[in-house]
Amino acid sequence: MKNRTILIIALLCIALSFGLSLALRGYFPEQMASHWNAAGQVDGYSGQFVGLYLMPFIQLGVFALLMGIPYLDPRRKNIAEFRPFYNTFIVAFLGFMTYLHILTLVWNLGIPMNMSLWLTPAFAALFFMAGVMISKAKQNYMIGIRTPWTLANTTVWEDTHRVGGVVFKVCALISLVGMLFPAVSFFFMIGPILLGALGLVIYSYVRFVQIERSVS
C-alpha cells in the first residue's frame, strides 16, 4: 500500500471517528462508559468530552507516530523494503481503533453488548495483519520482534520473524474460537498472544545460541 493511499484511508478513519462523535454528541449522558472488564461488563466511566473525543485524538497521535517511525530508524532503508506491509498494518490498526470507538458510542446510546465478544473479530484481524507484516519485516530498531538477539544477528532476526508471522496468525485463529465461549472470549484473545510473545523471545535466544555455537 502506497504512502498516499495510507494517508487518505487513515484520515478517513480519523474523520469518521470525529464525525460520529460530533454528530451524535447530543444523545449521550454526561458520564459515559469508557472501560470494560474481561467479562465485557462496564467497570469505568469518563466525562462526555473524554468519551467522545479521546479515541479520535489518540488515533491522530498514533497515526503521526507510526508514520514518523520509518524516518527515525537508522535502518530506514530496511523498513522501506517492507513498507507496503507496514502501511497496511497502519490501516488495520486505525481501523481497529475506529471500530472500538464505534462500539463505545453504540453502547452509550443504550445498546448494551458483550464488549469482549464484539472485539474478538477485530483483534483476530489485527493479529493476522501483524503476522503478515512481521513475516516480511527486515532488521530494524523500531518495528518487529526486537530482542537483543534478533538485533545482534540477521539470521536470528529472519528466523524469529518467520516463526513470529505464523504465531500471530495462529493467535488470530484462536481468538476467533473464543467467540464460541463468550464468557471467556477475552482470555482467548489475550492469553495466546502473551504466550506467543514470550515464546518468540525465548526462541530468539535459543536460535542465537545455536548459531553462536555453530560458528565457534
N, C-alpha and C. Protein backbone atom coordinates (compact mmCIF):
# COMPACT_ATOMS: atom_id res chain seq x y z
N MET A 1 0.84 -1.19 0.00
CA MET A 1 0.00 0.00 0.00
C MET A 1 0.88 1.25 0.00
N LYS A 2 0.63 2.15 -0.92
CA LYS A 2 1.46 3.34 -1.06
C LYS A 2 1.19 4.35 0.06
N ASN A 3 2.19 5.21 0.30
CA ASN A 3 2.07 6.19 1.38
C ASN A 3 0.87 7.12 1.18
N ARG A 4 0.61 7.52 -0.05
CA ARG A 4 -0.53 8.41 -0.30
C ARG A 4 -1.85 7.72 0.00
N THR A 5 -1.92 6.44 -0.36
CA THR A 5 -3.14 5.67 -0.10
C THR A 5 -3.37 5.53 1.40
N ILE A 6 -2.29 5.23 2.13
CA ILE A 6 -2.40 5.07 3.57
C ILE A 6 -2.83 6.38 4.22
N LEU A 7 -2.34 7.48 3.71
CA LEU A 7 -2.69 8.79 4.26
C LEU A 7 -4.18 9.05 4.09
N ILE A 8 -4.71 8.76 2.91
CA ILE A 8 -6.13 9.01 2.64
C ILE A 8 -7.01 8.13 3.52
N ILE A 9 -6.71 6.83 3.58
CA ILE A 9 -7.53 5.91 4.35
C ILE A 9 -7.46 6.24 5.85
N ALA A 10 -6.25 6.53 6.32
CA ALA A 10 -6.08 6.84 7.74
C ALA A 10 -6.86 8.09 8.11
N LEU A 11 -6.78 9.12 7.30
CA LEU A 11 -7.50 10.36 7.60
C LEU A 11 -9.01 10.14 7.53
N LEU A 12 -9.47 9.25 6.67
CA LEU A 12 -10.89 8.93 6.60
C LEU A 12 -11.35 8.24 7.89
N CYS A 13 -10.52 7.32 8.39
CA CYS A 13 -10.84 6.64 9.65
C CYS A 13 -10.94 7.63 10.81
N ILE A 14 -9.95 8.52 10.88
CA ILE A 14 -9.93 9.51 11.95
C ILE A 14 -11.10 10.48 11.81
N ALA A 15 -11.39 10.89 10.57
CA ALA A 15 -12.51 11.80 10.33
C ALA A 15 -13.84 11.14 10.70
N LEU A 16 -13.96 9.83 10.43
CA LEU A 16 -15.18 9.12 10.78
C LEU A 16 -15.39 9.12 12.30
N SER A 17 -14.31 8.88 13.04
CA SER A 17 -14.42 8.87 14.50
C SER A 17 -14.83 10.25 15.03
N PHE A 18 -14.17 11.29 14.54
CA PHE A 18 -14.52 12.64 14.96
C PHE A 18 -15.94 13.00 14.52
N GLY A 19 -16.27 12.63 13.28
CA GLY A 19 -17.58 12.97 12.73
C GLY A 19 -18.73 12.34 13.50
N LEU A 20 -18.59 11.07 13.85
CA LEU A 20 -19.64 10.40 14.61
C LEU A 20 -19.80 11.03 15.99
N SER A 21 -18.68 11.36 16.61
CA SER A 21 -18.75 11.99 17.94
C SER A 21 -19.45 13.34 17.87
N LEU A 22 -19.13 14.11 16.86
CA LEU A 22 -19.75 15.43 16.71
C LEU A 22 -21.23 15.32 16.39
N ALA A 23 -21.57 14.40 15.48
CA ALA A 23 -22.96 14.28 15.03
C ALA A 23 -23.88 13.75 16.12
N LEU A 24 -23.34 12.90 17.00
CA LEU A 24 -24.18 12.23 18.00
C LEU A 24 -24.02 12.78 19.41
N ARG A 25 -23.26 13.85 19.56
CA ARG A 25 -22.90 14.30 20.91
C ARG A 25 -24.11 14.64 21.78
N GLY A 26 -25.23 15.00 21.17
CA GLY A 26 -26.41 15.37 21.94
C GLY A 26 -27.17 14.18 22.50
N TYR A 27 -26.77 12.98 22.16
CA TYR A 27 -27.51 11.78 22.56
C TYR A 27 -26.87 11.03 23.73
N PHE A 28 -25.76 11.55 24.25
CA PHE A 28 -25.02 10.82 25.27
C PHE A 28 -25.17 11.45 26.65
N PRO A 29 -25.07 10.62 27.69
CA PRO A 29 -25.13 11.15 29.06
C PRO A 29 -23.84 11.88 29.41
N GLU A 30 -23.87 12.62 30.51
CA GLU A 30 -22.68 13.35 30.95
C GLU A 30 -21.55 12.41 31.33
N GLN A 31 -21.88 11.26 31.89
CA GLN A 31 -20.89 10.24 32.22
C GLN A 31 -21.07 9.07 31.26
N MET A 32 -20.02 8.76 30.51
CA MET A 32 -20.09 7.70 29.51
C MET A 32 -19.25 6.50 29.92
N ALA A 33 -19.76 5.32 29.62
CA ALA A 33 -18.98 4.10 29.84
C ALA A 33 -17.74 4.17 28.95
N SER A 34 -16.58 3.90 29.55
CA SER A 34 -15.33 4.03 28.79
C SER A 34 -14.38 2.85 28.98
N HIS A 35 -14.72 1.95 29.89
CA HIS A 35 -13.83 0.81 30.14
C HIS A 35 -14.66 -0.41 30.50
N TRP A 36 -14.23 -1.56 29.98
CA TRP A 36 -14.94 -2.81 30.22
C TRP A 36 -13.95 -3.84 30.77
N ASN A 37 -14.45 -4.72 31.64
CA ASN A 37 -13.58 -5.75 32.21
C ASN A 37 -13.51 -6.97 31.29
N ALA A 38 -12.81 -8.00 31.74
CA ALA A 38 -12.60 -9.19 30.91
C ALA A 38 -13.90 -9.89 30.56
N ALA A 39 -14.93 -9.69 31.38
CA ALA A 39 -16.23 -10.32 31.11
C ALA A 39 -17.09 -9.47 30.18
N GLY A 40 -16.54 -8.34 29.72
CA GLY A 40 -17.29 -7.47 28.82
C GLY A 40 -18.27 -6.56 29.51
N GLN A 41 -18.11 -6.36 30.83
CA GLN A 41 -19.00 -5.52 31.61
C GLN A 41 -18.32 -4.19 31.93
N VAL A 42 -19.11 -3.13 31.98
CA VAL A 42 -18.56 -1.79 32.25
C VAL A 42 -17.97 -1.74 33.66
N ASP A 43 -16.75 -1.23 33.76
CA ASP A 43 -16.16 -1.03 35.09
C ASP A 43 -15.45 0.32 35.19
N GLY A 44 -15.76 1.22 34.25
CA GLY A 44 -15.17 2.54 34.31
C GLY A 44 -15.96 3.55 33.47
N TYR A 45 -16.03 4.79 33.95
CA TYR A 45 -16.76 5.85 33.24
C TYR A 45 -15.88 7.09 33.10
N SER A 46 -16.21 7.92 32.15
CA SER A 46 -15.49 9.18 31.96
C SER A 46 -16.49 10.26 31.57
N GLY A 47 -16.04 11.51 31.61
CA GLY A 47 -16.89 12.61 31.19
C GLY A 47 -17.21 12.52 29.71
N GLN A 48 -18.25 13.22 29.30
CA GLN A 48 -18.71 13.14 27.91
C GLN A 48 -17.63 13.55 26.91
N PHE A 49 -16.92 14.63 27.20
CA PHE A 49 -15.90 15.09 26.25
C PHE A 49 -14.83 14.02 26.04
N VAL A 50 -14.36 13.42 27.14
CA VAL A 50 -13.35 12.37 27.04
C VAL A 50 -13.91 11.17 26.30
N GLY A 51 -15.14 10.77 26.64
CA GLY A 51 -15.75 9.62 26.00
C GLY A 51 -15.93 9.79 24.50
N LEU A 52 -16.19 11.03 24.08
CA LEU A 52 -16.44 11.28 22.67
C LEU A 52 -15.17 11.52 21.85
N TYR A 53 -14.18 12.16 22.46
CA TYR A 53 -13.06 12.65 21.65
C TYR A 53 -11.68 12.08 21.99
N LEU A 54 -11.58 11.37 23.12
CA LEU A 54 -10.26 10.83 23.47
C LEU A 54 -9.76 9.87 22.40
N MET A 55 -10.58 8.92 21.98
CA MET A 55 -10.14 7.94 20.99
C MET A 55 -9.77 8.59 19.65
N PRO A 56 -10.58 9.51 19.11
CA PRO A 56 -10.16 10.16 17.87
C PRO A 56 -8.82 10.88 17.97
N PHE A 57 -8.59 11.54 19.11
CA PHE A 57 -7.31 12.23 19.29
C PHE A 57 -6.17 11.23 19.43
N ILE A 58 -6.43 10.10 20.10
CA ILE A 58 -5.41 9.05 20.19
C ILE A 58 -5.10 8.52 18.80
N GLN A 59 -6.13 8.31 17.99
CA GLN A 59 -5.92 7.84 16.62
C GLN A 59 -5.01 8.80 15.85
N LEU A 60 -5.27 10.07 16.01
CA LEU A 60 -4.47 11.08 15.31
C LEU A 60 -3.01 11.00 15.76
N GLY A 61 -2.80 10.88 17.07
CA GLY A 61 -1.43 10.80 17.59
C GLY A 61 -0.73 9.52 17.17
N VAL A 62 -1.44 8.40 17.22
CA VAL A 62 -0.86 7.11 16.83
C VAL A 62 -0.50 7.13 15.35
N PHE A 63 -1.36 7.70 14.54
CA PHE A 63 -1.08 7.78 13.10
C PHE A 63 0.19 8.58 12.84
N ALA A 64 0.32 9.73 13.51
CA ALA A 64 1.52 10.55 13.33
C ALA A 64 2.77 9.79 13.76
N LEU A 65 2.66 9.07 14.88
CA LEU A 65 3.80 8.31 15.39
C LEU A 65 4.19 7.19 14.43
N LEU A 66 3.21 6.41 13.98
CA LEU A 66 3.50 5.29 13.10
C LEU A 66 4.05 5.74 11.75
N MET A 67 3.58 6.87 11.27
CA MET A 67 4.10 7.39 10.01
C MET A 67 5.51 7.94 10.17
N GLY A 68 5.83 8.43 11.38
CA GLY A 68 7.15 9.01 11.60
C GLY A 68 8.23 8.00 11.89
N ILE A 69 7.86 6.84 12.43
CA ILE A 69 8.84 5.83 12.83
C ILE A 69 9.82 5.46 11.70
N PRO A 70 9.35 5.19 10.50
CA PRO A 70 10.29 4.80 9.45
C PRO A 70 11.37 5.83 9.15
N TYR A 71 11.10 7.10 9.42
CA TYR A 71 12.07 8.15 9.14
C TYR A 71 13.05 8.35 10.29
N LEU A 72 12.72 7.82 11.47
CA LEU A 72 13.59 7.96 12.63
C LEU A 72 14.58 6.82 12.78
N ASP A 73 14.26 5.68 12.20
CA ASP A 73 15.09 4.49 12.38
C ASP A 73 16.39 4.60 11.58
N PRO A 74 17.52 4.32 12.21
CA PRO A 74 18.80 4.35 11.49
C PRO A 74 18.84 3.35 10.31
N ARG A 75 18.02 2.31 10.41
CA ARG A 75 17.95 1.33 9.32
C ARG A 75 16.70 1.54 8.48
N ARG A 76 16.41 2.78 8.19
CA ARG A 76 15.19 3.11 7.45
C ARG A 76 15.16 2.46 6.06
N LYS A 77 16.33 2.19 5.50
CA LYS A 77 16.35 1.53 4.19
C LYS A 77 15.77 0.12 4.28
N ASN A 78 16.00 -0.55 5.40
CA ASN A 78 15.43 -1.88 5.58
C ASN A 78 13.90 -1.80 5.72
N ILE A 79 13.43 -0.77 6.42
CA ILE A 79 11.98 -0.60 6.57
C ILE A 79 11.34 -0.36 5.21
N ALA A 80 12.04 0.36 4.35
CA ALA A 80 11.50 0.64 3.01
C ALA A 80 11.21 -0.65 2.24
N GLU A 81 11.95 -1.71 2.55
CA GLU A 81 11.77 -2.98 1.83
C GLU A 81 10.44 -3.65 2.16
N PHE A 82 9.91 -3.40 3.35
CA PHE A 82 8.60 -3.99 3.68
C PHE A 82 7.57 -2.90 4.00
N ARG A 83 7.81 -1.69 3.53
CA ARG A 83 6.94 -0.55 3.83
C ARG A 83 5.49 -0.79 3.40
N PRO A 84 5.22 -1.40 2.24
CA PRO A 84 3.80 -1.64 1.89
C PRO A 84 3.06 -2.48 2.94
N PHE A 85 3.74 -3.47 3.52
CA PHE A 85 3.11 -4.31 4.54
C PHE A 85 2.93 -3.52 5.84
N TYR A 86 3.90 -2.68 6.15
CA TYR A 86 3.80 -1.82 7.32
C TYR A 86 2.64 -0.84 7.17
N ASN A 87 2.51 -0.26 5.99
CA ASN A 87 1.42 0.67 5.73
C ASN A 87 0.06 -0.01 5.88
N THR A 88 -0.03 -1.24 5.39
CA THR A 88 -1.28 -1.99 5.52
C THR A 88 -1.62 -2.23 6.98
N PHE A 89 -0.59 -2.49 7.79
CA PHE A 89 -0.82 -2.68 9.22
C PHE A 89 -1.31 -1.39 9.87
N ILE A 90 -0.78 -0.25 9.44
CA ILE A 90 -1.24 1.03 9.98
C ILE A 90 -2.74 1.19 9.72
N VAL A 91 -3.16 0.87 8.51
CA VAL A 91 -4.58 0.95 8.17
C VAL A 91 -5.39 0.03 9.07
N ALA A 92 -4.88 -1.21 9.25
CA ALA A 92 -5.59 -2.18 10.09
C ALA A 92 -5.70 -1.67 11.52
N PHE A 93 -4.64 -1.08 12.03
CA PHE A 93 -4.64 -0.60 13.42
C PHE A 93 -5.61 0.57 13.59
N LEU A 94 -5.59 1.50 12.67
CA LEU A 94 -6.51 2.64 12.76
C LEU A 94 -7.95 2.18 12.55
N GLY A 95 -8.15 1.19 11.68
CA GLY A 95 -9.48 0.64 11.50
C GLY A 95 -9.97 -0.02 12.79
N PHE A 96 -9.07 -0.71 13.47
CA PHE A 96 -9.40 -1.33 14.75
C PHE A 96 -9.83 -0.27 15.77
N MET A 97 -9.08 0.82 15.84
CA MET A 97 -9.39 1.88 16.79
C MET A 97 -10.73 2.56 16.46
N THR A 98 -11.01 2.72 15.18
CA THR A 98 -12.28 3.29 14.77
C THR A 98 -13.43 2.37 15.16
N TYR A 99 -13.25 1.09 14.94
CA TYR A 99 -14.25 0.09 15.31
C TYR A 99 -14.50 0.11 16.81
N LEU A 100 -13.43 0.19 17.60
CA LEU A 100 -13.57 0.26 19.06
C LEU A 100 -14.34 1.51 19.47
N HIS A 101 -14.05 2.62 18.82
CA HIS A 101 -14.76 3.87 19.13
C HIS A 101 -16.25 3.74 18.80
N ILE A 102 -16.56 3.11 17.67
CA ILE A 102 -17.96 2.92 17.28
C ILE A 102 -18.68 2.04 18.29
N LEU A 103 -18.04 0.98 18.75
CA LEU A 103 -18.65 0.12 19.76
C LEU A 103 -18.93 0.90 21.04
N THR A 104 -17.99 1.76 21.41
CA THR A 104 -18.17 2.58 22.62
C THR A 104 -19.37 3.51 22.47
N LEU A 105 -19.50 4.13 21.31
CA LEU A 105 -20.63 5.02 21.06
C LEU A 105 -21.95 4.25 21.08
N VAL A 106 -21.97 3.09 20.44
CA VAL A 106 -23.19 2.28 20.39
C VAL A 106 -23.63 1.89 21.79
N TRP A 107 -22.67 1.45 22.60
CA TRP A 107 -23.01 1.09 24.00
C TRP A 107 -23.64 2.27 24.73
N ASN A 108 -23.03 3.43 24.58
CA ASN A 108 -23.50 4.60 25.30
C ASN A 108 -24.78 5.19 24.73
N LEU A 109 -25.21 4.69 23.59
CA LEU A 109 -26.52 5.07 23.06
C LEU A 109 -27.62 4.20 23.66
N GLY A 110 -27.22 3.28 24.55
CA GLY A 110 -28.21 2.46 25.24
C GLY A 110 -28.39 1.08 24.65
N ILE A 111 -27.39 0.62 23.90
CA ILE A 111 -27.46 -0.72 23.29
C ILE A 111 -26.34 -1.56 23.92
N PRO A 112 -26.59 -2.17 25.08
CA PRO A 112 -25.55 -2.95 25.75
C PRO A 112 -25.17 -4.20 24.97
N MET A 113 -23.95 -4.63 25.14
CA MET A 113 -23.43 -5.81 24.43
C MET A 113 -22.27 -6.37 25.22
N ASN A 114 -21.86 -7.56 24.87
CA ASN A 114 -20.65 -8.14 25.44
C ASN A 114 -19.47 -7.57 24.66
N MET A 115 -18.82 -6.58 25.23
CA MET A 115 -17.78 -5.86 24.50
C MET A 115 -16.63 -6.78 24.09
N SER A 116 -16.25 -7.69 24.97
CA SER A 116 -15.16 -8.61 24.64
C SER A 116 -15.49 -9.45 23.43
N LEU A 117 -16.74 -9.90 23.37
CA LEU A 117 -17.17 -10.74 22.24
C LEU A 117 -17.15 -9.96 20.93
N TRP A 118 -17.63 -8.73 20.97
CA TRP A 118 -17.66 -7.92 19.76
C TRP A 118 -16.26 -7.48 19.32
N LEU A 119 -15.35 -7.41 20.27
CA LEU A 119 -13.98 -7.04 19.92
C LEU A 119 -13.18 -8.21 19.34
N THR A 120 -13.64 -9.42 19.58
CA THR A 120 -12.88 -10.60 19.18
C THR A 120 -12.51 -10.62 17.70
N PRO A 121 -13.46 -10.45 16.76
CA PRO A 121 -13.06 -10.48 15.35
C PRO A 121 -12.10 -9.37 14.96
N ALA A 122 -12.23 -8.21 15.64
CA ALA A 122 -11.32 -7.10 15.35
C ALA A 122 -9.91 -7.42 15.81
N PHE A 123 -9.79 -8.01 17.00
CA PHE A 123 -8.48 -8.42 17.48
C PHE A 123 -7.88 -9.49 16.57
N ALA A 124 -8.72 -10.43 16.14
CA ALA A 124 -8.23 -11.50 15.27
C ALA A 124 -7.67 -10.93 13.96
N ALA A 125 -8.39 -9.98 13.38
CA ALA A 125 -7.92 -9.35 12.14
C ALA A 125 -6.61 -8.60 12.37
N LEU A 126 -6.52 -7.90 13.52
CA LEU A 126 -5.31 -7.15 13.82
C LEU A 126 -4.12 -8.08 14.02
N PHE A 127 -4.33 -9.18 14.76
CA PHE A 127 -3.25 -10.15 14.96
C PHE A 127 -2.80 -10.74 13.62
N PHE A 128 -3.76 -11.04 12.76
CA PHE A 128 -3.42 -11.63 11.47
C PHE A 128 -2.59 -10.66 10.63
N MET A 129 -3.01 -9.40 10.57
CA MET A 129 -2.26 -8.41 9.80
C MET A 129 -0.88 -8.17 10.40
N ALA A 130 -0.78 -8.23 11.73
CA ALA A 130 0.54 -8.12 12.37
C ALA A 130 1.41 -9.29 11.95
N GLY A 131 0.82 -10.47 11.86
CA GLY A 131 1.58 -11.64 11.43
C GLY A 131 2.10 -11.49 10.01
N VAL A 132 1.27 -10.94 9.14
CA VAL A 132 1.71 -10.71 7.76
C VAL A 132 2.88 -9.75 7.72
N MET A 133 2.76 -8.63 8.46
CA MET A 133 3.84 -7.65 8.48
C MET A 133 5.11 -8.22 9.08
N ILE A 134 4.97 -8.92 10.21
CA ILE A 134 6.13 -9.46 10.89
C ILE A 134 6.90 -10.44 10.00
N SER A 135 6.18 -11.25 9.26
CA SER A 135 6.85 -12.23 8.40
C SER A 135 7.67 -11.58 7.30
N LYS A 136 7.36 -10.32 6.98
CA LYS A 136 8.07 -9.60 5.92
C LYS A 136 9.11 -8.61 6.45
N ALA A 137 9.12 -8.39 7.76
CA ALA A 137 9.96 -7.33 8.34
C ALA A 137 11.45 -7.62 8.20
N LYS A 138 12.19 -6.61 7.80
CA LYS A 138 13.64 -6.67 7.74
C LYS A 138 14.22 -6.03 9.00
N GLN A 139 15.45 -6.34 9.29
CA GLN A 139 16.07 -5.93 10.55
C GLN A 139 16.07 -4.41 10.71
N ASN A 140 15.48 -3.94 11.82
CA ASN A 140 15.45 -2.52 12.14
C ASN A 140 15.28 -2.36 13.65
N TYR A 141 15.30 -1.13 14.13
CA TYR A 141 15.25 -0.89 15.58
C TYR A 141 13.86 -0.56 16.11
N MET A 142 12.88 -0.36 15.23
CA MET A 142 11.59 0.16 15.65
C MET A 142 10.41 -0.81 15.48
N ILE A 143 10.46 -1.63 14.46
CA ILE A 143 9.29 -2.43 14.08
C ILE A 143 9.64 -3.90 14.08
N GLY A 144 8.83 -4.70 14.76
CA GLY A 144 9.05 -6.13 14.73
C GLY A 144 9.39 -6.70 16.10
N ILE A 145 9.97 -7.89 16.11
CA ILE A 145 10.33 -8.59 17.34
C ILE A 145 11.76 -8.21 17.67
N ARG A 146 11.91 -7.17 18.48
CA ARG A 146 13.24 -6.59 18.74
C ARG A 146 13.76 -7.08 20.07
N THR A 147 14.48 -8.18 20.04
CA THR A 147 15.17 -8.66 21.23
C THR A 147 16.66 -8.42 21.02
N PRO A 148 17.47 -8.52 22.07
CA PRO A 148 18.92 -8.33 21.90
C PRO A 148 19.49 -9.28 20.85
N TRP A 149 18.88 -10.44 20.71
CA TRP A 149 19.43 -11.48 19.84
C TRP A 149 18.99 -11.30 18.38
N THR A 150 17.76 -10.82 18.16
CA THR A 150 17.36 -10.55 16.78
C THR A 150 18.10 -9.33 16.23
N LEU A 151 18.39 -8.36 17.11
CA LEU A 151 19.10 -7.17 16.66
C LEU A 151 20.59 -7.43 16.45
N ALA A 152 21.10 -8.46 17.10
CA ALA A 152 22.53 -8.76 17.00
C ALA A 152 22.88 -9.64 15.82
N ASN A 153 21.89 -10.36 15.29
CA ASN A 153 22.19 -11.32 14.24
C ASN A 153 21.06 -11.34 13.21
N THR A 154 21.41 -11.12 11.95
CA THR A 154 20.40 -11.05 10.89
C THR A 154 19.67 -12.37 10.72
N THR A 155 20.38 -13.49 10.83
CA THR A 155 19.74 -14.79 10.67
C THR A 155 18.73 -15.04 11.78
N VAL A 156 19.08 -14.66 13.01
CA VAL A 156 18.15 -14.81 14.13
C VAL A 156 16.91 -13.95 13.88
N TRP A 157 17.14 -12.73 13.39
CA TRP A 157 16.00 -11.86 13.07
C TRP A 157 15.08 -12.53 12.05
N GLU A 158 15.64 -13.01 10.97
CA GLU A 158 14.82 -13.60 9.90
C GLU A 158 14.09 -14.85 10.38
N ASP A 159 14.79 -15.71 11.11
CA ASP A 159 14.15 -16.94 11.60
C ASP A 159 13.03 -16.63 12.60
N THR A 160 13.31 -15.71 13.51
CA THR A 160 12.32 -15.36 14.53
C THR A 160 11.10 -14.72 13.90
N HIS A 161 11.29 -13.88 12.91
CA HIS A 161 10.16 -13.22 12.27
C HIS A 161 9.39 -14.16 11.36
N ARG A 162 10.05 -15.13 10.80
CA ARG A 162 9.33 -16.13 10.02
C ARG A 162 8.41 -16.94 10.94
N VAL A 163 8.95 -17.37 12.07
CA VAL A 163 8.14 -18.11 13.05
C VAL A 163 7.09 -17.18 13.66
N GLY A 164 7.47 -15.94 13.94
CA GLY A 164 6.55 -14.99 14.54
C GLY A 164 5.33 -14.71 13.67
N GLY A 165 5.53 -14.66 12.36
CA GLY A 165 4.41 -14.46 11.47
C GLY A 165 3.37 -15.56 11.62
N VAL A 166 3.85 -16.79 11.74
CA VAL A 166 2.95 -17.93 11.93
C VAL A 166 2.26 -17.86 13.29
N VAL A 167 3.03 -17.51 14.32
CA VAL A 167 2.48 -17.44 15.68
C VAL A 167 1.34 -16.43 15.76
N PHE A 168 1.53 -15.25 15.19
CA PHE A 168 0.49 -14.24 15.24
C PHE A 168 -0.76 -14.65 14.47
N LYS A 169 -0.57 -15.33 13.35
CA LYS A 169 -1.73 -15.79 12.58
C LYS A 169 -2.49 -16.89 13.33
N VAL A 170 -1.74 -17.77 14.01
CA VAL A 170 -2.40 -18.80 14.82
C VAL A 170 -3.17 -18.16 15.97
N CYS A 171 -2.57 -17.14 16.57
CA CYS A 171 -3.26 -16.42 17.66
C CYS A 171 -4.56 -15.79 17.15
N ALA A 172 -4.55 -15.33 15.92
CA ALA A 172 -5.77 -14.76 15.33
C ALA A 172 -6.86 -15.82 15.24
N LEU A 173 -6.50 -17.01 14.82
CA LEU A 173 -7.48 -18.09 14.70
C LEU A 173 -8.00 -18.51 16.07
N ILE A 174 -7.11 -18.59 17.06
CA ILE A 174 -7.53 -18.96 18.41
C ILE A 174 -8.49 -17.90 18.96
N SER A 175 -8.22 -16.64 18.66
CA SER A 175 -9.12 -15.57 19.11
C SER A 175 -10.53 -15.79 18.60
N LEU A 176 -10.64 -16.20 17.35
CA LEU A 176 -11.96 -16.43 16.76
C LEU A 176 -12.69 -17.58 17.45
N VAL A 177 -11.93 -18.59 17.88
CA VAL A 177 -12.54 -19.70 18.61
C VAL A 177 -13.22 -19.19 19.88
N GLY A 178 -12.65 -18.14 20.46
CA GLY A 178 -13.21 -17.57 21.67
C GLY A 178 -14.64 -17.08 21.51
N MET A 179 -15.07 -16.81 20.27
CA MET A 179 -16.44 -16.36 20.04
C MET A 179 -17.45 -17.45 20.40
N LEU A 180 -16.99 -18.69 20.45
CA LEU A 180 -17.87 -19.79 20.83
C LEU A 180 -18.07 -19.85 22.34
N PHE A 181 -17.23 -19.11 23.05
CA PHE A 181 -17.28 -19.12 24.52
C PHE A 181 -17.30 -17.67 25.02
N PRO A 182 -18.42 -16.98 24.85
CA PRO A 182 -18.50 -15.54 25.14
C PRO A 182 -18.02 -15.15 26.54
N ALA A 183 -18.27 -16.00 27.53
CA ALA A 183 -17.91 -15.65 28.90
C ALA A 183 -16.41 -15.52 29.11
N VAL A 184 -15.62 -16.20 28.27
CA VAL A 184 -14.16 -16.17 28.43
C VAL A 184 -13.46 -15.77 27.13
N SER A 185 -14.18 -15.10 26.24
CA SER A 185 -13.61 -14.74 24.94
C SER A 185 -12.38 -13.85 25.10
N PHE A 186 -12.36 -13.01 26.15
CA PHE A 186 -11.23 -12.12 26.39
C PHE A 186 -9.93 -12.92 26.54
N PHE A 187 -10.00 -14.04 27.25
CA PHE A 187 -8.81 -14.83 27.50
C PHE A 187 -8.32 -15.55 26.24
N PHE A 188 -9.23 -15.84 25.32
CA PHE A 188 -8.84 -16.41 24.04
C PHE A 188 -8.11 -15.37 23.19
N MET A 189 -8.38 -14.10 23.43
CA MET A 189 -7.69 -13.04 22.70
C MET A 189 -6.31 -12.76 23.29
N ILE A 190 -6.28 -12.55 24.60
CA ILE A 190 -5.07 -12.06 25.25
C ILE A 190 -4.09 -13.17 25.62
N GLY A 191 -4.61 -14.28 26.11
CA GLY A 191 -3.74 -15.37 26.55
C GLY A 191 -2.77 -15.87 25.50
N PRO A 192 -3.27 -16.27 24.33
CA PRO A 192 -2.36 -16.81 23.30
C PRO A 192 -1.31 -15.81 22.83
N ILE A 193 -1.69 -14.53 22.71
CA ILE A 193 -0.72 -13.56 22.19
C ILE A 193 0.37 -13.29 23.22
N LEU A 194 0.03 -13.30 24.51
CA LEU A 194 1.06 -13.12 25.55
C LEU A 194 2.01 -14.32 25.58
N LEU A 195 1.45 -15.51 25.51
CA LEU A 195 2.29 -16.71 25.50
C LEU A 195 3.13 -16.76 24.23
N GLY A 196 2.53 -16.38 23.11
CA GLY A 196 3.26 -16.38 21.85
C GLY A 196 4.42 -15.41 21.87
N ALA A 197 4.19 -14.21 22.43
CA ALA A 197 5.26 -13.21 22.51
C ALA A 197 6.41 -13.71 23.38
N LEU A 198 6.06 -14.30 24.51
CA LEU A 198 7.10 -14.86 25.39
C LEU A 198 7.86 -15.98 24.68
N GLY A 199 7.13 -16.82 23.99
CA GLY A 199 7.77 -17.91 23.26
C GLY A 199 8.73 -17.42 22.19
N LEU A 200 8.39 -16.32 21.54
CA LEU A 200 9.26 -15.78 20.49
C LEU A 200 10.54 -15.18 21.07
N VAL A 201 10.43 -14.57 22.25
CA VAL A 201 11.63 -14.06 22.92
C VAL A 201 12.57 -15.22 23.24
N ILE A 202 12.01 -16.29 23.79
CA ILE A 202 12.81 -17.46 24.13
C ILE A 202 13.40 -18.08 22.87
N TYR A 203 12.59 -18.16 21.82
CA TYR A 203 13.07 -18.74 20.56
C TYR A 203 14.25 -17.95 20.00
N SER A 204 14.16 -16.62 20.06
CA SER A 204 15.24 -15.81 19.50
C SER A 204 16.55 -16.05 20.26
N TYR A 205 16.46 -16.22 21.58
CA TYR A 205 17.65 -16.50 22.38
C TYR A 205 18.23 -17.87 22.03
N VAL A 206 17.36 -18.88 21.97
CA VAL A 206 17.82 -20.23 21.66
C VAL A 206 18.45 -20.28 20.27
N ARG A 207 17.83 -19.61 19.32
CA ARG A 207 18.36 -19.60 17.95
C ARG A 207 19.72 -18.90 17.91
N PHE A 208 19.86 -17.82 18.67
CA PHE A 208 21.13 -17.09 18.73
C PHE A 208 22.23 -17.99 19.28
N VAL A 209 21.94 -18.71 20.36
CA VAL A 209 22.91 -19.61 20.97
C VAL A 209 23.31 -20.70 19.99
N GLN A 210 22.34 -21.25 19.26
CA GLN A 210 22.64 -22.29 18.28
C GLN A 210 23.61 -21.79 17.21
N ILE A 211 23.36 -20.60 16.73
CA ILE A 211 24.22 -20.04 15.66
C ILE A 211 25.61 -19.73 16.21
N GLU A 212 25.67 -19.17 17.40
CA GLU A 212 26.97 -18.87 18.00
C GLU A 212 27.81 -20.12 18.21
N ARG A 213 27.17 -21.20 18.62
CA ARG A 213 27.89 -22.45 18.85
C ARG A 213 28.35 -23.06 17.53
N SER A 214 27.55 -22.89 16.50
CA SER A 214 27.90 -23.49 15.21
C SER A 214 29.10 -22.82 14.55
N VAL A 215 29.37 -21.56 14.92
CA VAL A 215 30.50 -20.84 14.30
C VAL A 215 31.71 -20.79 15.22
N SER A 216 31.57 -21.30 16.45
CA SER A 216 32.69 -21.24 17.39
C SER A 216 33.55 -22.49 17.28
